[in-house]
C-alpha atoms as a PDB file:
ATOM      1  CA  MET A   1    -128.358-111.365 206.552  1.00  0.00           C
ATOM      2  CA  ASN A   2    -124.805-111.011 205.256  1.00  0.00           C
ATOM      3  CA  ILE A   3    -123.920-109.109 202.092  1.00  0.00           C
ATOM      4  CA  LEU A   4    -120.815-108.999 199.891  1.00  0.00           C
ATOM      5  CA  ILE A   5    -120.586-106.124 197.407  1.00  0.00           C
ATOM      6  CA  VAL A   6    -118.355-106.654 194.366  1.00  0.00           C
ATOM      7  CA  GLU A   7    -117.952-103.200 192.847  1.00  0.00           C
ATOM      8  CA  ASP A   8    -114.997-101.032 191.748  1.00  0.00           C
ATOM      9  CA  GLU A   9    -116.818 -97.669 191.742  1.00  0.00           C
ATOM     10  CA  LYS A  10    -116.746 -96.054 195.196  1.00  0.00           C
ATOM     11  CA  LEU A  11    -119.783 -93.895 194.454  1.00  0.00           C
ATOM     12  CA  ALA A  12    -121.802 -96.958 193.430  1.00  0.00           C
ATOM     13  CA  VAL A  13    -120.748 -98.732 196.636  1.00  0.00           C
ATOM     14  CA  ARG A  14    -121.856 -95.797 198.784  1.00  0.00           C
ATOM     15  CA  LYS A  15    -125.212 -95.537 197.022  1.00  0.00           C
ATOM     16  CA  LEU A  16    -125.953 -99.265 197.210  1.00  0.00           C
ATOM     17  CA  THR A  17    -124.938 -99.392 200.883  1.00  0.00           C
ATOM     18  CA  LYS A  18    -127.232 -96.453 201.686  1.00  0.00           C
ATOM     19  CA  LEU A  19    -130.150 -98.009 199.790  1.00  0.00           C
ATOM     20  CA  LEU A  20    -129.646-101.303 201.627  1.00  0.00           C
ATOM     21  CA  GLU A  21    -129.725 -99.484 204.972  1.00  0.00           C
ATOM     22  CA  GLU A  22    -133.012 -97.855 203.999  1.00  0.00           C
ATOM     23  CA  THR A  23    -134.624-100.830 202.284  1.00  0.00           C
ATOM     24  CA  ALA A  24    -133.344-103.848 204.207  1.00  0.00           C
ATOM     25  CA  PRO A  25    -131.771-102.823 207.545  1.00  0.00           C
ATOM     26  CA  GLU A  26    -131.561-106.505 208.505  1.00  0.00           C
ATOM     27  CA  PHE A  27    -128.797-106.880 205.907  1.00  0.00           C
ATOM     28  CA  GLU A  28    -125.194-106.304 206.981  1.00  0.00           C
ATOM     29  CA  VAL A  29    -122.454-105.523 204.447  1.00  0.00           C
ATOM     30  CA  ARG A  30    -119.607-107.802 205.529  1.00  0.00           C
ATOM     31  CA  GLY A  31    -117.266-107.160 202.640  1.00  0.00           C
ATOM     32  CA  ILE A  32    -116.569-104.915 199.647  1.00  0.00           C
ATOM     33  CA  THR A  33    -114.223-106.099 196.895  1.00  0.00           C
ATOM     34  CA  PRO A  34    -113.226-104.065 193.814  1.00  0.00           C
ATOM     35  CA  SER A  35    -111.892-106.766 191.470  1.00  0.00           C
ATOM     36  CA  ILE A  36    -111.992-110.398 190.372  1.00  0.00           C
ATOM     37  CA  ALA A  37    -108.810-111.249 192.259  1.00  0.00           C
ATOM     38  CA  ALA A  38    -109.903-109.496 195.453  1.00  0.00           C
ATOM     39  CA  THR A  39    -113.292-111.251 195.372  1.00  0.00           C
ATOM     40  CA  VAL A  40    -111.749-114.698 194.960  1.00  0.00           C
ATOM     41  CA  ASP A  41    -109.335-113.945 197.834  1.00  0.00           C
ATOM     42  CA  TRP A  42    -112.182-112.702 200.054  1.00  0.00           C
ATOM     43  CA  ILE A  43    -114.367-115.756 199.430  1.00  0.00           C
ATOM     44  CA  THR A  44    -111.567-118.290 199.925  1.00  0.00           C
ATOM     45  CA  GLY A  45    -110.306-116.464 203.020  1.00  0.00           C
ATOM     46  CA  ASN A  46    -113.806-116.260 204.462  1.00  0.00           C
ATOM     47  CA  ARG A  47    -114.220-120.031 204.053  1.00  0.00           C
ATOM     48  CA  ALA A  48    -110.777-120.756 205.482  1.00  0.00           C
ATOM     49  CA  ASP A  49    -111.775-118.801 208.594  1.00  0.00           C
ATOM     50  CA  GLY A  50    -114.918-120.936 208.923  1.00  0.00           C
ATOM     51  CA  LYS A  51    -117.251-117.979 208.459  1.00  0.00           C
ATOM     52  CA  PRO A  52    -120.684-118.334 206.827  1.00  0.00           C
ATOM     53  CA  GLU A  53    -121.178-117.627 203.148  1.00  0.00           C
ATOM     54  CA  PRO A  54    -122.756-114.273 202.228  1.00  0.00           C
ATOM     55  CA  ASP A  55    -126.496-114.570 201.817  1.00  0.00           C
ATOM     56  CA  ILE A  56    -126.353-112.272 198.781  1.00  0.00           C
ATOM     57  CA  ILE A  57    -123.520-111.084 196.568  1.00  0.00           C
ATOM     58  CA  PHE A  58    -124.265-107.853 194.698  1.00  0.00           C
ATOM     59  CA  MET A  59    -121.881-108.172 191.767  1.00  0.00           C
ATOM     60  CA  ASP A  60    -121.001-105.577 189.147  1.00  0.00           C
ATOM     61  CA  ILE A  61    -120.431-107.086 185.703  1.00  0.00           C
ATOM     62  CA  GLU A  62    -117.588-104.814 184.563  1.00  0.00           C
ATOM     63  CA  LEU A  63    -114.705-104.723 187.043  1.00  0.00           C
ATOM     64  CA  ALA A  64    -111.262-103.145 186.854  1.00  0.00           C
ATOM     65  CA  ASP A  65    -109.603-106.449 185.928  1.00  0.00           C
ATOM     66  CA  GLY A  66    -112.288-107.889 183.647  1.00  0.00           C
ATOM     67  CA  GLN A  67    -115.846-109.202 183.641  1.00  0.00           C
ATOM     68  CA  SER A  68    -117.036-110.677 186.913  1.00  0.00           C
ATOM     69  CA  PHE A  69    -118.071-113.886 185.134  1.00  0.00           C
ATOM     70  CA  GLU A  70    -114.441-114.944 185.568  1.00  0.00           C
ATOM     71  CA  ILE A  71    -115.021-115.216 189.326  1.00  0.00           C
ATOM     72  CA  PHE A  72    -117.213-118.271 188.718  1.00  0.00           C
ATOM     73  CA  ASN A  73    -114.345-119.954 186.867  1.00  0.00           C
ATOM     74  CA  ARG A  74    -111.999-119.487 189.827  1.00  0.00           C
ATOM     75  CA  VAL A  75    -114.168-120.270 192.840  1.00  0.00           C
ATOM     76  CA  THR A  76    -117.517-121.955 193.537  1.00  0.00           C
ATOM     77  CA  ILE A  77    -120.195-119.397 194.396  1.00  0.00           C
ATOM     78  CA  LYS A  78    -122.675-120.717 196.947  1.00  0.00           C
ATOM     79  CA  SER A  79    -124.490-117.446 197.572  1.00  0.00           C
ATOM     80  CA  THR A  80    -127.417-115.903 195.764  1.00  0.00           C
ATOM     81  CA  VAL A  81    -126.063-113.460 193.158  1.00  0.00           C
ATOM     82  CA  ILE A  82    -127.693-110.219 192.055  1.00  0.00           C
ATOM     83  CA  PHE A  83    -125.819-108.556 189.240  1.00  0.00           C
ATOM     84  CA  THR A  84    -125.513-104.805 188.840  1.00  0.00           C
ATOM     85  CA  THR A  85    -124.833-103.451 185.381  1.00  0.00           C
ATOM     86  CA  SER A  86    -124.805-100.390 183.169  1.00  0.00           C
ATOM     87  CA  TYR A  87    -126.049-102.364 180.156  1.00  0.00           C
ATOM     88  CA  ASP A  88    -129.524-101.677 178.871  1.00  0.00           C
ATOM     89  CA  GLU A  89    -132.481-103.756 179.955  1.00  0.00           C
ATOM     90  CA  TYR A  90    -132.969-105.481 176.593  1.00  0.00           C
ATOM     91  CA  ALA A  91    -129.568-107.177 176.733  1.00  0.00           C
ATOM     92  CA  LEU A  92    -130.468-108.762 180.072  1.00  0.00           C
ATOM     93  CA  GLN A  93    -133.932-110.185 179.445  1.00  0.00           C
ATOM     94  CA  ALA A  94    -132.746-113.624 180.550  1.00  0.00           C
ATOM     95  CA  PHE A  95    -132.601-112.434 184.162  1.00  0.00           C
ATOM     96  CA  LYS A  96    -136.352-111.807 184.331  1.00  0.00           C
ATOM     97  CA  VAL A  97    -137.259-115.505 184.204  1.00  0.00           C
ATOM     98  CA  ASN A  98    -134.556-116.740 186.590  1.00  0.00           C
ATOM     99  CA  SER A  99    -134.011-116.701 190.330  1.00  0.00           C
ATOM    100  CA  ILE A 100    -130.897-114.567 189.808  1.00  0.00           C
ATOM    101  CA  ASP A 101    -131.883-110.904 189.433  1.00  0.00           C
ATOM    102  CA  TYR A 102    -130.123-107.768 188.201  1.00  0.00           C
ATOM    103  CA  LEU A 103    -130.075-104.083 189.038  1.00  0.00           C
ATOM    104  CA  LEU A 104    -129.574-101.508 186.333  1.00  0.00           C
ATOM    105  CA  LYS A 105    -127.265 -98.635 187.294  1.00  0.00           C
ATOM    106  CA  PRO A 106    -127.891 -96.179 188.777  1.00  0.00           C
ATOM    107  CA  VAL A 107    -129.655 -98.456 191.249  1.00  0.00           C
ATOM    108  CA  GLN A 108    -133.174 -97.345 192.175  1.00  0.00           C
ATOM    109  CA  GLN A 109    -134.835 -98.157 195.481  1.00  0.00           C
ATOM    110  CA  GLU A 110    -137.865 -99.837 193.926  1.00  0.00           C
ATOM    111  CA  ASP A 111    -135.596-102.116 191.885  1.00  0.00           C
ATOM    112  CA  LEU A 112    -133.626-103.060 194.985  1.00  0.00           C
ATOM    113  CA  GLN A 113    -136.864-103.823 196.808  1.00  0.00           C
ATOM    114  CA  ARG A 114    -137.903-106.099 193.936  1.00  0.00           C
ATOM    115  CA  SER A 115    -134.604-107.958 194.115  1.00  0.00           C
ATOM    116  CA  ILE A 116    -134.853-108.444 197.868  1.00  0.00           C
ATOM    117  CA  ARG A 117    -138.412-109.784 197.549  1.00  0.00           C
ATOM    118  CA  LYS A 118    -137.133-112.194 194.919  1.00  0.00           C
ATOM    119  CA  TYR A 119    -134.343-113.272 197.263  1.00  0.00           C
ATOM    120  CA  TYR A 120    -136.790-114.080 200.046  1.00  0.00           C
ATOM    121  CA  ASP A 121    -138.953-116.037 197.611  1.00  0.00           C
ATOM    122  CA  LEU A 122    -135.890-117.960 196.479  1.00  0.00           C
ATOM    123  CA  THR A 123    -134.697-118.856 199.972  1.00  0.00           C
ATOM    124  CA  SER A 124    -138.098-119.721 201.436  1.00  0.00           C
ATOM    125  CA  ALA A 125    -137.276-123.360 200.747  1.00  0.00           C
ATOM    126  CA  ARG A 126    -133.575-124.288 200.868  1.00  0.00           C
ATOM    127  CA  GLU A 127    -134.077-127.366 198.708  1.00  0.00           C
ATOM    128  CA  THR A 128    -134.533-125.106 195.663  1.00  0.00           C
ATOM    129  CA  ALA A 129    -130.906-123.905 195.841  1.00  0.00           C
ATOM    130  CA  PRO A 130    -129.433-126.511 193.446  1.00  0.00           C
ATOM    131  CA  SER A 131    -131.717-125.350 190.628  1.00  0.00           C
ATOM    132  CA  ALA A 132    -130.564-121.791 191.219  1.00  0.00           C
ATOM    133  CA  GLN A 133    -127.010-122.774 190.328  1.00  0.00           C
ATOM    134  CA  ILE A 134    -128.179-124.316 187.058  1.00  0.00           C
ATOM    135  CA  ASP A 135    -130.047-121.118 186.222  1.00  0.00           C
ATOM    136  CA  LEU A 136    -126.923-119.084 186.953  1.00  0.00           C
ATOM    137  CA  GLU A 137    -124.839-121.090 184.511  1.00  0.00           C
ATOM    138  CA  ALA A 138    -127.495-120.644 181.832  1.00  0.00           C
ATOM    139  CA  ILE A 139    -127.552-116.886 182.421  1.00  0.00           C
ATOM    140  CA  LEU A 140    -123.783-116.598 182.187  1.00  0.00           C
ATOM    141  CA  LYS A 141    -123.762-118.406 178.846  1.00  0.00           C
ATOM    142  CA  SER A 142    -126.558-116.146 177.603  1.00  0.00           C
ATOM    143  CA  LEU A 143    -124.762-112.993 178.712  1.00  0.00           C
ATOM    144  CA  HIS A 144    -121.522-113.975 177.015  1.00  0.00           C
ATOM    145  CA  VAL A 145    -123.456-114.115 173.756  1.00  0.00           C
ATOM    146  CA  GLN A 146    -125.573-111.008 174.267  1.00  0.00           C
ATOM    147  CA  THR A 147    -123.082-108.624 175.908  1.00  0.00           C
ATOM    148  CA  PRO A 148    -121.465-106.426 173.249  1.00  0.00           C
ATOM    149  CA  ALA A 149    -117.730-106.851 172.786  1.00  0.00           C
ATOM    150  CA  ARG A 150    -115.637-104.274 174.579  1.00  0.00           C
ATOM    151  CA  GLU A 151    -114.034-101.626 172.398  1.00  0.00           C
ATOM    152  CA  TYR A 152    -110.300-101.107 172.842  1.00  0.00           C
ATOM    153  CA  ARG A 153    -108.069 -98.283 171.613  1.00  0.00           C
ATOM    154  CA  LYS A 154    -107.429 -98.570 167.871  1.00  0.00           C
ATOM    155  CA  ARG A 155    -104.995 -95.693 167.227  1.00  0.00           C
ATOM    156  CA  PHE A 156    -102.999 -92.888 168.806  1.00  0.00           C
ATOM    157  CA  LEU A 157    -102.468 -89.340 167.550  1.00  0.00           C
ATOM    158  CA  VAL A 158     -98.817 -88.320 167.997  1.00  0.00           C
ATOM    159  CA  LYS A 159     -96.474 -85.542 166.891  1.00  0.00           C
ATOM    160  CA  LEU A 160     -93.891 -86.110 164.181  1.00  0.00           C
ATOM    161  CA  GLY A 161     -91.940 -82.893 163.920  1.00  0.00           C
ATOM    162  CA  ALA A 162     -94.472 -80.201 163.090  1.00  0.00           C
ATOM    163  CA  ARG A 163     -97.032 -82.729 161.871  1.00  0.00           C
ATOM    164  CA  LEU A 164     -99.619 -84.889 163.599  1.00  0.00           C
ATOM    165  CA  LEU A 165     -99.595 -88.603 162.815  1.00  0.00           C
ATOM    166  CA  SER A 166    -102.248 -91.244 163.494  1.00  0.00           C
ATOM    167  CA  VAL A 167    -100.646 -94.562 164.454  1.00  0.00           C
ATOM    168  CA  GLU A 168    -102.706 -97.756 164.422  1.00  0.00           C
ATOM    169  CA  THR A 169    -102.201 -99.978 167.480  1.00  0.00           C
ATOM    170  CA  PRO A 170    -100.966-102.973 165.404  1.00  0.00           C
ATOM    171  CA  GLU A 171     -98.033-100.764 164.370  1.00  0.00           C
ATOM    172  CA  ILE A 172     -96.928-100.362 168.000  1.00  0.00           C
ATOM    173  CA  ALA A 173     -94.233-102.665 169.389  1.00  0.00           C
ATOM    174  CA  TYR A 174     -94.314-101.568 173.036  1.00  0.00           C
ATOM    175  CA  PHE A 175     -94.954 -98.690 175.465  1.00  0.00           C
ATOM    176  CA  PHE A 176     -92.384 -97.609 178.036  1.00  0.00           C
ATOM    177  CA  ILE A 177     -91.532 -94.881 180.538  1.00  0.00           C
ATOM    178  CA  ASP A 178     -88.382 -92.820 180.108  1.00  0.00           C
ATOM    179  CA  GLY A 179     -87.526 -89.728 182.142  1.00  0.00           C
ATOM    180  CA  GLY A 180     -91.031 -89.540 183.592  1.00  0.00           C
ATOM    181  CA  LEU A 181     -92.705 -89.506 180.151  1.00  0.00           C
ATOM    182  CA  THR A 182     -94.576 -92.289 178.382  1.00  0.00           C
ATOM    183  CA  PHE A 183     -93.451 -93.345 174.903  1.00  0.00           C
ATOM    184  CA  PHE A 184     -94.060 -96.085 172.402  1.00  0.00           C
ATOM    185  CA  LYS A 185     -91.874 -97.507 169.685  1.00  0.00           C
ATOM    186  CA  ASN A 186     -93.295 -98.774 166.432  1.00  0.00           C
ATOM    187  CA  HIS A 187     -91.920-101.887 164.758  1.00  0.00           C
ATOM    188  CA  GLN A 188     -89.516 -99.747 162.730  1.00  0.00           C
ATOM    189  CA  GLY A 189     -87.966 -98.404 165.944  1.00  0.00           C
ATOM    190  CA  GLN A 190     -89.422 -94.876 165.772  1.00  0.00           C
ATOM    191  CA  LYS A 191     -90.111 -93.372 169.203  1.00  0.00           C
ATOM    192  CA  PHE A 192     -93.183 -91.251 169.988  1.00  0.00           C
ATOM    193  CA  VAL A 193     -94.389 -89.615 173.181  1.00  0.00           C
ATOM    194  CA  VAL A 194     -97.991 -90.190 174.324  1.00  0.00           C
ATOM    195  CA  ASP A 195     -99.880 -88.174 176.916  1.00  0.00           C
ATOM    196  CA  TYR A 196    -101.089 -91.133 178.980  1.00  0.00           C
ATOM    197  CA  LYS A 197    -100.028 -92.871 182.172  1.00  0.00           C
ATOM    198  CA  MET A 198     -99.273 -96.580 182.093  1.00  0.00           C
ATOM    199  CA  ASP A 199    -102.349 -97.318 184.225  1.00  0.00           C
ATOM    200  CA  ASP A 200    -104.526 -95.576 181.618  1.00  0.00           C
ATOM    201  CA  LEU A 201    -102.913 -97.484 178.765  1.00  0.00           C
ATOM    202  CA  GLU A 202    -103.392-100.789 180.525  1.00  0.00           C
ATOM    203  CA  GLU A 203    -107.090 -99.982 180.886  1.00  0.00           C
ATOM    204  CA  PHE A 204    -107.897 -99.296 177.226  1.00  0.00           C
ATOM    205  CA  LEU A 205    -105.419-101.517 175.356  1.00  0.00           C
ATOM    206  CA  ASP A 206    -106.559-104.949 174.173  1.00  0.00           C
ATOM    207  CA  PRO A 207    -105.147-107.488 176.692  1.00  0.00           C
ATOM    208  CA  ASP A 208    -104.920-110.118 173.950  1.00  0.00           C
ATOM    209  CA  ARG A 209    -102.403-107.890 172.156  1.00  0.00           C
ATOM    210  CA  PHE A 210    -100.695-105.986 174.998  1.00  0.00           C
ATOM    211  CA  PHE A 211     -99.284-107.119 178.358  1.00  0.00           C
ATOM    212  CA  ARG A 212     -97.895-104.958 181.141  1.00  0.00           C
ATOM    213  CA  VAL A 213     -94.745-106.738 182.327  1.00  0.00           C
ATOM    214  CA  ASN A 214     -93.814-104.210 185.034  1.00  0.00           C
ATOM    215  CA  ARG A 215     -94.566-100.646 186.165  1.00  0.00           C
ATOM    216  CA  ALA A 216     -92.791 -99.067 183.207  1.00  0.00           C
ATOM    217  CA  LEU A 217     -93.343-101.381 180.220  1.00  0.00           C
ATOM    218  CA  ILE A 218     -96.220-102.770 178.143  1.00  0.00           C
ATOM    219  CA  VAL A 219     -95.208-105.179 175.363  1.00  0.00           C
ATOM    220  CA  THR A 220     -96.752-106.997 172.409  1.00  0.00           C
ATOM    221  CA  HIS A 221     -96.076-110.583 171.365  1.00  0.00           C
ATOM    222  CA  GLN A 222     -94.171-109.390 168.286  1.00  0.00           C
ATOM    223  CA  SER A 223     -91.826-107.226 170.339  1.00  0.00           C
ATOM    224  CA  VAL A 224     -90.525-110.104 172.491  1.00  0.00           C
ATOM    225  CA  ALA A 225     -87.520-111.505 170.625  1.00  0.00           C
ATOM    226  CA  GLN A 226     -86.279-113.601 173.553  1.00  0.00           C
ATOM    227  CA  MET A 227     -87.073-114.356 177.191  1.00  0.00           C
ATOM    228  CA  GLN A 228     -85.066-116.247 179.770  1.00  0.00           C
ATOM    229  CA  PRO A 229     -85.199-116.948 183.524  1.00  0.00           C
ATOM    230  CA  TYR A 230     -83.923-114.209 185.798  1.00  0.00           C
ATOM    231  CA  TYR A 231     -83.170-114.366 189.500  1.00  0.00           C
ATOM    232  CA  ASN A 232     -85.945-114.188 192.104  1.00  0.00           C
ATOM    233  CA  HIS A 233     -88.413-115.949 189.766  1.00  0.00           C
ATOM    234  CA  ARG A 234     -88.474-113.093 187.277  1.00  0.00           C
ATOM    235  CA  LEU A 235     -87.941-113.115 183.503  1.00  0.00           C
ATOM    236  CA  ALA A 236     -85.490-111.125 181.387  1.00  0.00           C
ATOM    237  CA  LEU A 237     -86.676-110.023 177.944  1.00  0.00           C
ATOM    238  CA  THR A 238     -84.904-109.007 174.773  1.00  0.00           C
ATOM    239  CA  LEU A 239     -87.115-106.637 172.798  1.00  0.00           C
ATOM    240  CA  LEU A 240     -87.284-105.892 169.116  1.00  0.00           C
ATOM    241  CA  PRO A 241     -86.769-103.070 168.316  1.00  0.00           C
ATOM    242  CA  ALA A 242     -84.142-102.822 171.044  1.00  0.00           C
ATOM    243  CA  LEU A 243     -84.795-100.889 174.253  1.00  0.00           C
ATOM    244  CA  ASP A 244     -81.718 -99.349 175.839  1.00  0.00           C
ATOM    245  CA  LYS A 245     -82.567-100.394 179.396  1.00  0.00           C
ATOM    246  CA  GLU A 246     -82.930-103.645 181.328  1.00  0.00           C
ATOM    247  CA  THR A 247     -86.248-105.331 180.565  1.00  0.00           C
ATOM    248  CA  ILE A 248     -87.514-107.488 183.427  1.00  0.00           C
ATOM    249  CA  VAL A 249     -90.901-109.152 183.977  1.00  0.00           C
ATOM    250  CA  SER A 250     -91.815-108.759 187.646  1.00  0.00           C
ATOM    251  CA  ARG A 251     -92.140-111.882 189.779  1.00  0.00           C
ATOM    252  CA  GLU A 252     -95.863-111.211 190.346  1.00  0.00           C
ATOM    253  CA  ARG A 253     -96.545-111.106 186.604  1.00  0.00           C
ATOM    254  CA  ALA A 254     -94.128-113.789 185.347  1.00  0.00           C
ATOM    255  CA  ASN A 255     -96.559-116.741 185.344  1.00  0.00           C
ATOM    256  CA  ASP A 256     -99.366-114.736 183.734  1.00  0.00           C
ATOM    257  CA  PHE A 257     -96.908-113.429 181.158  1.00  0.00           C
ATOM    258  CA  LYS A 258     -95.856-116.943 180.142  1.00  0.00           C
ATOM    259  CA  VAL A 259     -99.493-117.941 179.758  1.00  0.00           C
ATOM    260  CA  TRP A 260    -100.152-114.816 177.656  1.00  0.00           C
ATOM    261  CA  MET A 261     -97.125-115.499 175.455  1.00  0.00           C
ATOM    262  CA  GLY A 262     -98.496-118.970 174.744  1.00  0.00           C
ATOM    263  CA  LYS A 263    -101.871-117.740 173.517  1.00  0.00           C
END
């Protein structure tokens, strides 16, 4: 039996792998992917190589680049899916009456055993597979309604002379790196230092409001006064308030940036 694990926490991967070895040694972990993009690439690459589909995909709900539901929008999933999640049991009651199961983190051996028994019941007759896909779609719709909205950063505490100032995120025009430090400018052009790395900011800023255009810059819609094509399929931006350095959207992010700007 072939397994794909979709999980961005290394500790969770190690624990699940160990439990599988103890509970179902006939299962072989053939792949581990930490994100939506990596999972889509793995599945499409696996098919292109003519390899069999995983029998089970253990899939975390919250991944580094978003909720794993997005995977189903990008590629057809033919495998049985068992979700893993940190959400409480009440929010996931829909799973209990469907062929798709879930494991609540931290994963317990008895819960894994239950899921594996359910898998064998599901696959005892292959003709039942089409109904499993219908159930999956119903579960995804249910979860989108029941899963609580993610909370993003609402304000930052910064220094203004000898005082401390709380700045609401809608007041921020963009974040940038200068001299190894991270700053933001508000819409009035005031510059403040923040004690966060760009990777941290990208994690807890609302992606509907903020977009990371390159390694050193995160912008808002309001801060982009102008954009135009730049060589090597990149984009050049003019920011407001002005930033005294070249502002380029990387080639890898240019298409996504244009989509985001159109939202």
